[in-house]
Every structure is written in C-alpha cells, then in structure tokens.
Amino acid sequence: MRKFLNPMERFNKTVLIIAPTLLLTVVVLFGSCYKKYEGLSLSLAVNNTTLDLDTAAGSTHIMVYATGKWNLAFKTATSWATLNKTEGEGNSDFVLSYQANYDTARSATIVISRDTLVREIVINQKGH
C-alpha cells in the first residue's frame, strides 16, 4: 500500500532535494567567475605627460604606475626644478618642486625608465 504525504511533508521533501542542487549550481556558477582584483597593473605609465605651470613657485605630485622598480631624472640638468626622489617601485608618486619664474618661459623633461621602457614628462613654466 502506498503512503500519501500531507502537503507540508511533500514540501519539506522537495526542498531537501532541490535546495542542495540549487546551492551547488550557484557556487559553481559564481565560483568559476571569481577573479581577484589585483589593482592597476601597467608595465610603465604616468598620470601626465605634459605639465603646464604658472609663473609662481610650487610643487606637484606625479603618479607612476609600474610593475617593478623604476628610475627618474631630468633629461638635462635644470636649476629651477627638483625631484624628491630618483627611484621608486610599483605604483607610487614623486614630487616635482619648482621655483618662481621671473624671466621668459622655460621647460624641462623628466625621464622615467623601467628596464627598456621609457616615459617622458614635459614641464612647461610660463614666464613674465
């Protein structure tokens, strides 16, 4: 003789069968799409390739995005601007400080290198 289940028992039995299957499906679907965010990963890049400065003295932060160690220097010696460091690693910044300009407009170039990669930042400062 066949036993008939009341509606509540039938519902509980169905949930016990479907719930684990549904949970496993969700875990497999979303688990396979998971990729850890690793941040910005660039071989070598900068947030600005040209800086146009007013005549007043000041300083500015420049961001470097890199996957390893990098070096920086002025392309040619300059007496009116300085860098707070000559090397860095990974995603980091450096500070360019510059003096007021009471003469004609002037410019300088910062060279950032990592292995064989090179990026340049041209700095233009207005004159009086």
C-alpha atoms as a PDB file:
ATOM      1  CA  MET A   1       0.000   0.000   0.000  1.00  0.00           C
ATOM      2  CA  ARG A   2       1.283   3.430  -0.944  1.00  0.00           C
ATOM      3  CA  LYS A   3       1.693   6.082   1.751  1.00  0.00           C
ATOM      4  CA  PHE A   4       0.377   9.534   0.908  1.00  0.00           C
ATOM      5  CA  LEU A   5       2.213  12.543   2.283  1.00  0.00           C
ATOM      6  CA  ASN A   6       0.409  15.582   3.519  1.00  0.00           C
ATOM      7  CA  PRO A   7       1.244  18.847   1.686  1.00  0.00           C
ATOM      8  CA  MET A   8       3.742  20.015   4.327  1.00  0.00           C
ATOM      9  CA  GLU A   9       5.699  16.755   4.287  1.00  0.00           C
ATOM     10  CA  ARG A  10       5.734  16.846   0.467  1.00  0.00           C
ATOM     11  CA  PHE A  11       7.050  20.453   0.529  1.00  0.00           C
ATOM     12  CA  ASN A  12       9.817  19.577   3.037  1.00  0.00           C
ATOM     13  CA  LYS A  13      10.889  16.586   0.950  1.00  0.00           C
ATOM     14  CA  THR A  14      11.007  18.696  -2.217  1.00  0.00           C
ATOM     15  CA  VAL A  15      13.044  21.415  -0.505  1.00  0.00           C
ATOM     16  CA  LEU A  16      15.519  18.803   0.793  1.00  0.00           C
ATOM     17  CA  ILE A  17      16.059  17.572  -2.760  1.00  0.00           C
ATOM     18  CA  ILE A  18      16.127  20.912  -4.616  1.00  0.00           C
ATOM     19  CA  ALA A  19      17.983  23.154  -2.138  1.00  0.00           C
ATOM     20  CA  PRO A  20      21.378  21.379  -2.212  1.00  0.00           C
ATOM     21  CA  THR A  21      21.255  21.131  -6.011  1.00  0.00           C
ATOM     22  CA  LEU A  22      20.433  24.829  -6.337  1.00  0.00           C
ATOM     23  CA  LEU A  23      23.150  25.800  -3.863  1.00  0.00           C
ATOM     24  CA  LEU A  24      25.744  23.715  -5.711  1.00  0.00           C
ATOM     25  CA  THR A  25      24.726  25.309  -9.021  1.00  0.00           C
ATOM     26  CA  VAL A  26      25.106  28.830  -7.604  1.00  0.00           C
ATOM     27  CA  VAL A  27      28.514  28.037  -6.073  1.00  0.00           C
ATOM     28  CA  VAL A  28      29.800  26.562  -9.344  1.00  0.00           C
ATOM     29  CA  LEU A  29      28.494  29.440 -11.469  1.00  0.00           C
ATOM     30  CA  PHE A  30      29.754  32.276  -9.281  1.00  0.00           C
ATOM     31  CA  GLY A  31      32.900  30.491  -8.128  1.00  0.00           C
ATOM     32  CA  SER A  32      34.098  29.972 -11.683  1.00  0.00           C
ATOM     33  CA  CYS A  33      33.619  33.686 -12.464  1.00  0.00           C
ATOM     34  CA  TYR A  34      35.630  34.859  -9.480  1.00  0.00           C
ATOM     35  CA  LYS A  35      38.844  36.728 -10.251  1.00  0.00           C
ATOM     36  CA  LYS A  36      40.730  38.549  -7.557  1.00  0.00           C
ATOM     37  CA  TYR A  37      41.149  42.273  -8.239  1.00  0.00           C
ATOM     38  CA  GLU A  38      44.843  42.930  -8.440  1.00  0.00           C
ATOM     39  CA  GLY A  39      44.750  46.676  -8.984  1.00  0.00           C
ATOM     40  CA  LEU A  40      46.178  48.587 -11.860  1.00  0.00           C
ATOM     41  CA  SER A  41      48.966  46.588 -13.438  1.00  0.00           C
ATOM     42  CA  LEU A  42      50.900  48.507 -16.075  1.00  0.00           C
ATOM     43  CA  SER A  43      54.478  47.967 -17.184  1.00  0.00           C
ATOM     44  CA  LEU A  44      55.180  51.716 -17.017  1.00  0.00           C
ATOM     45  CA  ALA A  45      52.802  54.673 -17.232  1.00  0.00           C
ATOM     46  CA  VAL A  46      52.365  58.154 -15.752  1.00  0.00           C
ATOM     47  CA  ASN A  47      49.279  60.195 -14.957  1.00  0.00           C
ATOM     48  CA  ASN A  48      50.511  63.180 -17.013  1.00  0.00           C
ATOM     49  CA  THR A  49      52.840  63.516 -19.963  1.00  0.00           C
ATOM     50  CA  THR A  50      52.737  67.319 -20.013  1.00  0.00           C
ATOM     51  CA  LEU A  51      52.564  69.788 -17.133  1.00  0.00           C
ATOM     52  CA  ASP A  52      51.874  73.470 -17.762  1.00  0.00           C
ATOM     53  CA  LEU A  53      52.908  75.531 -14.749  1.00  0.00           C
ATOM     54  CA  ASP A  54      52.149  79.125 -13.836  1.00  0.00           C
ATOM     55  CA  THR A  55      54.956  81.585 -13.037  1.00  0.00           C
ATOM     56  CA  ALA A  56      54.647  81.102  -9.249  1.00  0.00           C
ATOM     57  CA  ALA A  57      56.777  78.634  -7.294  1.00  0.00           C
ATOM     58  CA  GLY A  58      55.141  75.410  -6.200  1.00  0.00           C
ATOM     59  CA  SER A  59      55.147  71.641  -6.224  1.00  0.00           C
ATOM     60  CA  THR A  60      53.037  68.867  -7.657  1.00  0.00           C
ATOM     61  CA  HIS A  61      52.692  65.116  -7.181  1.00  0.00           C
ATOM     62  CA  ILE A  62      53.149  62.959 -10.256  1.00  0.00           C
ATOM     63  CA  MET A  63      51.905  59.371 -10.233  1.00  0.00           C
ATOM     64  CA  VAL A  64      53.874  56.492 -11.757  1.00  0.00           C
ATOM     65  CA  TYR A  65      52.191  53.169 -12.473  1.00  0.00           C
ATOM     66  CA  ALA A  66      54.650  50.288 -12.849  1.00  0.00           C
ATOM     67  CA  THR A  67      55.044  46.574 -12.224  1.00  0.00           C
ATOM     68  CA  GLY A  68      58.554  46.871 -10.832  1.00  0.00           C
ATOM     69  CA  LYS A  69      61.347  49.253  -9.924  1.00  0.00           C
ATOM     70  CA  TRP A  70      61.725  52.487 -11.898  1.00  0.00           C
ATOM     71  CA  ASN A  71      64.152  55.424 -12.071  1.00  0.00           C
ATOM     72  CA  LEU A  72      63.637  59.073 -12.850  1.00  0.00           C
ATOM     73  CA  ALA A  73      65.811  62.074 -13.657  1.00  0.00           C
ATOM     74  CA  PHE A  74      65.777  65.269 -15.638  1.00  0.00           C
ATOM     75  CA  LYS A  75      66.774  64.765 -19.262  1.00  0.00           C
ATOM     76  CA  THR A  76      69.139  67.728 -18.964  1.00  0.00           C
ATOM     77  CA  ALA A  77      70.302  69.446 -15.793  1.00  0.00           C
ATOM     78  CA  THR A  78      67.941  72.121 -14.508  1.00  0.00           C
ATOM     79  CA  SER A  79      68.478  74.589 -11.676  1.00  0.00           C
ATOM     80  CA  TRP A  80      64.869  75.708 -11.256  1.00  0.00           C
ATOM     81  CA  ALA A  81      63.199  72.353 -10.515  1.00  0.00           C
ATOM     82  CA  THR A  82      63.919  69.387  -8.243  1.00  0.00           C
ATOM     83  CA  LEU A  83      62.604  65.860  -7.722  1.00  0.00           C
ATOM     84  CA  ASN A  84      62.103  64.439  -4.220  1.00  0.00           C
ATOM     85  CA  LYS A  85      63.491  61.037  -5.293  1.00  0.00           C
ATOM     86  CA  THR A  86      65.310  59.346  -8.143  1.00  0.00           C
ATOM     87  CA  GLU A  87      63.741  55.895  -7.946  1.00  0.00           C
ATOM     88  CA  GLY A  88      60.599  54.103  -6.902  1.00  0.00           C
ATOM     89  CA  GLU A  89      58.818  50.785  -7.112  1.00  0.00           C
ATOM     90  CA  GLY A  90      55.364  49.761  -8.274  1.00  0.00           C
ATOM     91  CA  ASN A  91      52.527  52.240  -8.245  1.00  0.00           C
ATOM     92  CA  SER A  92      53.902  55.279  -6.448  1.00  0.00           C
ATOM     93  CA  ASP A  93      54.333  59.012  -6.787  1.00  0.00           C
ATOM     94  CA  PHE A  94      57.095  61.582  -6.682  1.00  0.00           C
ATOM     95  CA  VAL A  95      57.074  65.316  -6.089  1.00  0.00           C
ATOM     96  CA  LEU A  96      58.266  67.901  -8.570  1.00  0.00           C
ATOM     97  CA  SER A  97      59.144  71.217  -6.896  1.00  0.00           C
ATOM     98  CA  TYR A  98      59.824  74.325  -8.956  1.00  0.00           C
ATOM     99  CA  GLN A  99      60.921  77.907  -8.399  1.00  0.00           C
ATOM    100  CA  ALA A 100      59.082  81.039  -9.471  1.00  0.00           C
ATOM    101  CA  ASN A 101      59.897  82.217 -12.972  1.00  0.00           C
ATOM    102  CA  TYR A 102      60.644  85.939 -13.378  1.00  0.00           C
ATOM    103  CA  ASP A 103      62.124  85.521 -16.844  1.00  0.00           C
ATOM    104  CA  THR A 104      60.998  84.019 -20.161  1.00  0.00           C
ATOM    105  CA  ALA A 105      59.083  80.766 -20.381  1.00  0.00           C
ATOM    106  CA  ARG A 106      61.135  77.652 -19.753  1.00  0.00           C
ATOM    107  CA  SER A 107      60.784  73.901 -19.992  1.00  0.00           C
ATOM    108  CA  ALA A 108      62.362  70.689 -18.773  1.00  0.00           C
ATOM    109  CA  THR A 109      61.781  66.989 -19.346  1.00  0.00           C
ATOM    110  CA  ILE A 110      61.614  64.253 -16.719  1.00  0.00           C
ATOM    111  CA  VAL A 111      62.604  60.797 -17.948  1.00  0.00           C
ATOM    112  CA  ILE A 112      61.142  57.762 -16.162  1.00  0.00           C
ATOM    113  CA  SER A 113      62.582  54.368 -17.051  1.00  0.00           C
ATOM    114  CA  ARG A 114      61.953  50.749 -16.166  1.00  0.00           C
ATOM    115  CA  ASP A 115      64.139  48.181 -17.896  1.00  0.00           C
ATOM    116  CA  THR A 116      63.857  49.115 -21.589  1.00  0.00           C
ATOM    117  CA  LEU A 117      60.643  51.135 -21.157  1.00  0.00           C
ATOM    118  CA  VAL A 118      60.873  54.930 -21.075  1.00  0.00           C
ATOM    119  CA  ARG A 119      58.234  57.596 -20.441  1.00  0.00           C
ATOM    120  CA  GLU A 120      58.821  61.336 -20.580  1.00  0.00           C
ATOM    121  CA  ILE A 121      57.012  64.190 -18.884  1.00  0.00           C
ATOM    122  CA  VAL A 122      57.446  67.644 -20.407  1.00  0.00           C
ATOM    123  CA  ILE A 123      57.225  70.525 -17.936  1.00  0.00           C
ATOM    124  CA  ASN A 124      56.448  73.996 -19.272  1.00  0.00           C
ATOM    125  CA  GLN A 125      56.538  77.013 -16.979  1.00  0.00           C
ATOM    126  CA  LYS A 126      55.157  80.358 -18.074  1.00  0.00           C
ATOM    127  CA  GLY A 127      57.375  83.420 -17.918  1.00  0.00           C
ATOM    128  CA  HIS A 128      56.746  87.069 -17.025  1.00  0.00           C
END
